[in-house]
Amino acid sequence: MTKDLLLKPLGIVAFAAILVVVCGYVDYITGPDYSLSILYFVPVFLAAWFGSRWTGVVISFFAAAGWLLAELFGKKVHEYPVVLYWNDFMELLSFLFVSYIISALKNSLEQQKHLARIDHLTDIPNRRHFYDLANLELNVSRRYGHPVTVMYLDIDNFKTVNDTQGHTAGDLLLRQVSGTIKDHIRTADVIARLGGDEFALLLPETGSEAARAVVDKVWGNLKVIVQSDWPVTFSIGMITYLTPPATVDELIRRADEVMYDVKRQGKNKLYHQVVGEE
């Protein structure tokens, strides 16, 4: 993965540099009578958008150098060399400005996209993003006939924490719960906060025994973090679908129903059902 992260910006810089060379050659053969400086903005834009601010800066300098070389070789006599170099400096500033604007716009869009998918308090996927990820996993499970397990967790007596210790303490508890779950699941598993004090955990391609091992580990660690500091327990409903359901709504709904069965039976339990045929 580290190698891929390194090769990506290098590939972008190489591609943009080739475009600069092409722009410089076209600029050279058309001569000084035609201004083609706008062409150099294309590789600068590509480098800043698909790379980073630094790749944009590198290509900006390269584009300024290309423009200067095209001017130097495309015209044999320069009456005012200082003017030529000054114009090139202005081109460089223009390229750098465009690079900065494009990279800033890209970062802003990525941040907005991140905020739309991630719960701001716990920094895990929100309901909307969970549905998107779960839908992808269901498609894979249906295609290959793999089981899938979903866990629905509710924090018992969470309102008591907010009422007696304040919402700041409640927020801290939510972050500790989400962090504990995230730290004790597999890379492929998907944790999300569905709202309030309710969390969902999707275990792709996971049968009942493997799912129970994962959730027992999570539940055990959750008990550790709350036993001395928080007057709460956990009600957990879990469904293993041997045949994946048709929709994410159905996936969540049945696990939610099992979780509420736990609530009605006294809370602080884990109910696990297996749905479908072997």
Protein backbone atom coordinates (compact mmCIF):
# COMPACT_ATOMS: atom_id res chain seq x y z
CA MET A 1 0.00 0.00 0.00
CA THR A 2 2.85 2.38 0.80
CA LYS A 3 4.30 1.70 -2.62
CA ASP A 4 0.96 2.51 -4.28
CA LEU A 5 0.70 5.76 -2.33
CA LEU A 6 4.17 6.70 -3.56
CA LEU A 7 3.60 5.72 -7.19
CA LYS A 8 0.34 7.60 -7.56
CA PRO A 9 1.76 11.15 -7.18
CA LEU A 10 4.83 10.20 -9.21
CA GLY A 11 2.59 8.93 -12.01
CA ILE A 12 0.50 12.12 -11.92
CA VAL A 13 3.61 14.29 -12.03
CA ALA A 14 5.04 12.25 -14.92
CA PHE A 15 1.81 12.47 -16.93
CA ALA A 16 1.42 16.21 -16.29
CA ALA A 17 5.09 16.76 -17.19
CA ILE A 18 4.54 15.01 -20.53
CA LEU A 19 1.59 17.31 -21.19
CA VAL A 20 3.81 20.31 -20.41
CA VAL A 21 6.34 19.06 -22.96
CA VAL A 22 3.57 18.68 -25.55
CA CYS A 23 2.29 22.19 -24.78
CA GLY A 24 5.80 23.58 -25.03
CA TYR A 25 6.38 21.91 -28.39
CA VAL A 26 3.08 23.20 -29.79
CA ASP A 27 3.92 26.65 -28.44
CA TYR A 28 7.35 26.47 -30.08
CA ILE A 29 6.19 25.40 -33.57
CA THR A 30 3.38 27.98 -33.70
CA GLY A 31 5.87 30.76 -33.09
CA PRO A 32 5.70 33.96 -31.04
CA ASP A 33 2.74 35.41 -32.90
CA TYR A 34 0.26 33.13 -31.13
CA SER A 35 -0.19 33.08 -27.39
CA LEU A 36 -0.81 29.53 -26.14
CA SER A 37 -0.01 30.05 -22.47
CA ILE A 38 -3.51 28.93 -21.55
CA LEU A 39 -2.58 25.39 -22.63
CA TYR A 40 -0.14 25.10 -19.74
CA PHE A 41 -2.99 25.45 -17.28
CA VAL A 42 -4.28 22.01 -18.30
CA PRO A 43 -1.42 19.97 -16.77
CA VAL A 44 -1.34 22.31 -13.76
CA PHE A 45 -5.05 21.68 -13.21
CA LEU A 46 -4.68 17.91 -13.59
CA ALA A 47 -1.71 17.78 -11.22
CA ALA A 48 -3.49 19.82 -8.54
CA TRP A 49 -6.83 18.00 -8.84
CA PHE A 50 -5.74 14.39 -9.16
CA GLY A 51 -2.58 14.79 -7.10
CA SER A 52 -2.02 17.24 -4.30
CA ARG A 53 -1.08 20.86 -3.77
CA TRP A 54 2.59 19.90 -3.97
CA THR A 55 2.23 18.09 -7.29
CA GLY A 56 0.47 21.18 -8.57
CA VAL A 57 3.37 23.36 -7.40
CA VAL A 58 5.94 21.09 -9.08
CA ILE A 59 4.08 21.16 -12.39
CA SER A 60 3.57 24.93 -12.08
CA PHE A 61 7.34 25.45 -12.06
CA PHE A 62 7.75 22.93 -14.86
CA ALA A 63 5.07 24.68 -16.93
CA ALA A 64 6.73 28.07 -16.39
CA ALA A 65 10.03 26.58 -17.52
CA GLY A 66 8.35 25.06 -20.59
CA TRP A 67 6.76 28.36 -21.51
CA LEU A 68 10.11 30.16 -21.15
CA LEU A 69 11.98 27.62 -23.28
CA ALA A 70 9.32 27.82 -26.00
CA GLU A 71 9.71 31.59 -26.02
CA LEU A 72 13.51 31.48 -26.04
CA PHE A 73 13.82 28.97 -28.87
CA GLY A 74 10.80 30.13 -30.81
CA LYS A 75 12.17 33.63 -31.32
CA LYS A 76 15.79 34.16 -32.23
CA VAL A 77 16.12 37.78 -31.10
CA HIS A 78 14.69 39.19 -27.89
CA GLU A 79 14.90 42.96 -27.71
CA TYR A 80 14.03 43.08 -24.02
CA PRO A 81 15.09 39.86 -22.24
CA VAL A 82 14.06 41.32 -18.88
CA VAL A 83 10.50 41.59 -20.13
CA LEU A 84 10.57 37.96 -21.22
CA TYR A 85 11.71 36.77 -17.81
CA TRP A 86 9.24 39.05 -16.09
CA ASN A 87 6.40 37.60 -18.18
CA ASP A 88 7.56 34.11 -17.31
CA PHE A 89 7.53 35.02 -13.62
CA MET A 90 3.96 36.27 -14.03
CA GLU A 91 3.05 33.00 -15.74
CA LEU A 92 4.53 31.11 -12.81
CA LEU A 93 2.47 33.12 -10.34
CA SER A 94 -0.65 32.41 -12.39
CA PHE A 95 0.09 28.69 -12.44
CA LEU A 96 0.73 28.64 -8.70
CA PHE A 97 -2.47 30.57 -8.04
CA VAL A 98 -4.55 28.15 -10.12
CA SER A 99 -2.85 25.20 -8.43
CA TYR A 100 -3.71 26.60 -5.00
CA ILE A 101 -7.34 27.31 -5.91
CA ILE A 102 -7.90 23.89 -7.48
CA SER A 103 -6.31 21.98 -4.58
CA ALA A 104 -8.26 24.07 -2.05
CA LEU A 105 -11.51 23.37 -3.90
CA LYS A 106 -10.72 19.66 -4.02
CA ASN A 107 -9.93 19.55 -0.29
CA SER A 108 -13.14 21.40 0.50
CA LEU A 109 -15.23 18.99 -1.57
CA GLU A 110 -13.55 15.97 0.03
CA GLN A 111 -14.17 17.41 3.49
CA GLN A 112 -17.84 17.97 2.70
CA LYS A 113 -18.09 14.45 1.36
CA HIS A 114 -16.44 13.11 4.51
CA LEU A 115 -18.80 15.08 6.76
CA ALA A 116 -21.79 13.72 4.84
CA ARG A 117 -20.72 10.13 5.48
CA ILE A 118 -19.15 10.23 8.94
CA ASP A 119 -20.78 10.80 12.31
CA HIS A 120 -19.10 13.96 13.64
CA LEU A 121 -19.14 12.84 17.28
CA THR A 122 -17.76 9.30 17.02
CA ASP A 123 -15.89 9.57 13.71
CA ILE A 124 -17.41 6.36 12.38
CA PRO A 125 -19.84 5.95 9.45
CA ASN A 126 -23.30 7.41 9.94
CA ARG A 127 -26.58 5.74 8.98
CA ARG A 128 -26.47 6.94 5.39
CA HIS A 129 -22.95 5.71 4.77
CA PHE A 130 -23.66 2.43 6.55
CA TYR A 131 -26.55 1.78 4.19
CA ASP A 132 -24.30 2.42 1.20
CA LEU A 133 -21.58 0.08 2.49
CA ALA A 134 -24.07 -2.58 3.56
CA ASN A 135 -25.73 -2.52 0.15
CA LEU A 136 -22.39 -3.19 -1.51
CA GLU A 137 -21.67 -6.08 0.86
CA LEU A 138 -25.12 -7.59 0.31
CA ASN A 139 -24.57 -7.54 -3.45
CA VAL A 140 -21.29 -9.41 -2.99
CA SER A 141 -22.86 -11.93 -0.59
CA ARG A 142 -25.75 -12.60 -2.97
CA ARG A 143 -23.41 -13.01 -5.92
CA TYR A 144 -21.19 -15.57 -4.20
CA GLY A 145 -23.71 -17.13 -1.83
CA HIS A 146 -21.87 -16.09 1.33
CA PRO A 147 -23.55 -15.54 4.71
CA VAL A 148 -23.64 -12.12 6.32
CA THR A 149 -24.18 -11.09 9.93
CA VAL A 150 -25.45 -7.83 11.36
CA MET A 151 -25.41 -6.72 14.99
CA TYR A 152 -27.67 -4.02 16.43
CA LEU A 153 -26.52 -2.58 19.76
CA ASP A 154 -28.32 -0.21 22.11
CA ILE A 155 -26.82 1.34 25.24
CA ASP A 156 -29.15 0.62 28.16
CA ASN A 157 -29.86 3.54 30.52
CA PHE A 158 -27.98 6.01 28.34
CA LYS A 159 -30.50 8.72 29.21
CA THR A 160 -29.51 8.32 32.86
CA VAL A 161 -25.94 9.28 31.98
CA ASN A 162 -27.10 12.43 30.21
CA ASP A 163 -29.50 13.34 33.04
CA THR A 164 -27.09 12.76 35.94
CA GLN A 165 -23.66 13.46 34.46
CA GLY A 166 -24.48 15.82 31.60
CA HIS A 167 -24.37 15.57 27.83
CA THR A 168 -20.60 15.97 27.77
CA ALA A 169 -20.28 12.72 29.70
CA GLY A 170 -22.82 11.12 27.38
CA ASP A 171 -20.79 12.17 24.35
CA LEU A 172 -17.65 10.75 25.94
CA LEU A 173 -19.42 7.44 26.53
CA LEU A 174 -20.54 7.28 22.89
CA ARG A 175 -16.98 7.90 21.72
CA GLN A 176 -15.63 5.22 24.06
CA VAL A 177 -18.20 2.70 22.88
CA SER A 178 -17.57 3.38 19.21
CA GLY A 179 -13.80 3.36 19.72
CA THR A 180 -13.92 0.07 21.62
CA ILE A 181 -15.99 -1.61 18.93
CA LYS A 182 -13.75 -0.26 16.19
CA ASP A 183 -10.62 -1.48 17.98
CA HIS A 184 -11.89 -5.06 18.32
CA ILE A 185 -13.35 -5.86 14.92
CA ARG A 186 -11.77 -6.98 11.69
CA THR A 187 -10.70 -4.68 8.88
CA ALA A 188 -13.54 -5.85 6.64
CA ASP A 189 -16.24 -5.28 9.29
CA VAL A 190 -18.33 -2.10 9.19
CA ILE A 191 -19.30 -0.20 12.34
CA ALA A 192 -21.74 2.71 12.26
CA ARG A 193 -23.70 4.93 14.58
CA LEU A 194 -27.30 4.80 13.43
CA GLY A 195 -28.39 7.59 15.74
CA GLY A 196 -28.63 8.40 19.42
CA ASP A 197 -27.15 5.52 21.40
CA GLU A 198 -27.69 2.86 18.73
CA PHE A 199 -24.90 1.23 16.75
CA ALA A 200 -24.78 -1.33 13.95
CA LEU A 201 -22.00 -3.73 13.07
CA LEU A 202 -21.92 -5.53 9.74
CA LEU A 203 -19.81 -8.68 9.45
CA PRO A 204 -19.45 -9.54 5.75
CA GLU A 205 -19.07 -13.16 4.66
CA THR A 206 -19.39 -14.28 8.28
CA GLY A 207 -21.34 -17.30 9.53
CA SER A 208 -22.86 -17.73 12.96
CA GLU A 209 -19.85 -19.19 14.81
CA ALA A 210 -17.33 -16.67 13.49
CA ALA A 211 -19.78 -13.82 14.09
CA ARG A 212 -20.41 -14.91 17.67
CA ALA A 213 -16.66 -14.97 18.34
CA VAL A 214 -16.28 -11.41 17.05
CA VAL A 215 -19.30 -10.03 18.91
CA ASP A 216 -18.44 -11.82 22.17
CA LYS A 217 -15.02 -10.18 22.02
CA VAL A 218 -16.58 -6.77 21.38
CA TRP A 219 -19.18 -7.21 24.12
CA GLY A 220 -16.58 -8.34 26.64
CA ASN A 221 -14.45 -5.27 26.03
CA LEU A 222 -17.48 -2.99 26.21
CA LYS A 223 -18.28 -4.39 29.65
CA VAL A 224 -14.75 -3.58 30.78
CA ILE A 225 -14.92 0.11 29.85
CA VAL A 226 -18.28 0.73 31.55
CA GLN A 227 -18.14 -1.46 34.65
CA SER A 228 -16.48 1.15 36.88
CA ASP A 229 -17.39 4.49 35.28
CA TRP A 230 -20.80 4.22 33.67
CA PRO A 231 -24.18 2.95 34.94
CA VAL A 232 -25.03 1.33 31.61
CA THR A 233 -25.30 -2.10 30.01
CA PHE A 234 -25.79 -3.24 26.42
CA SER A 235 -28.70 -4.86 24.63
CA ILE A 236 -27.56 -6.60 21.47
CA GLY A 237 -29.58 -8.20 18.70
CA MET A 238 -27.69 -10.18 16.09
CA ILE A 239 -28.87 -11.91 12.92
CA THR A 240 -26.82 -14.24 10.75
CA TYR A 241 -28.32 -14.47 7.28
CA LEU A 242 -27.28 -17.65 5.52
CA THR A 243 -29.14 -16.27 2.53
CA PRO A 244 -28.66 -12.48 2.35
CA PRO A 245 -31.87 -10.42 2.51
CA ALA A 246 -33.12 -8.43 -0.44
CA THR A 247 -32.55 -5.00 1.08
CA VAL A 248 -30.52 -3.26 3.75
CA ASP A 249 -33.79 -2.13 5.37
CA GLU A 250 -34.72 -5.76 5.95
CA LEU A 251 -31.21 -6.52 7.20
CA ILE A 252 -31.44 -3.80 9.85
CA ARG A 253 -35.11 -4.22 10.69
CA ARG A 254 -34.84 -7.83 11.83
CA ALA A 255 -31.73 -7.17 13.93
CA ASP A 256 -33.51 -4.18 15.46
CA GLU A 257 -36.49 -6.38 16.36
CA VAL A 258 -34.21 -8.91 18.05
CA MET A 259 -32.52 -6.12 20.00
CA TYR A 260 -35.90 -4.89 21.27
CA ASP A 261 -36.73 -8.44 22.31
CA VAL A 262 -33.64 -8.18 24.54
CA LYS A 263 -34.96 -4.89 25.94
CA ARG A 264 -38.32 -6.45 26.76
CA GLN A 265 -36.65 -9.41 28.46
CA GLY A 266 -34.65 -7.32 30.92
CA LYS A 267 -31.77 -5.81 28.86
CA ASN A 268 -28.06 -6.56 29.14
CA LYS A 269 -28.20 -9.65 26.92
CA LEU A 270 -27.25 -10.79 23.46
CA TYR A 271 -29.82 -12.61 21.31
CA HIS A 272 -28.55 -14.29 18.19
CA GLN A 273 -30.72 -15.72 15.43
CA VAL A 274 -29.76 -17.58 12.28
CA VAL A 275 -32.00 -17.00 9.28
CA GLY A 276 -32.06 -19.05 6.11
CA GLU A 277 -31.13 -22.52 5.05
CA GLU A 278 -27.74 -24.23 4.85
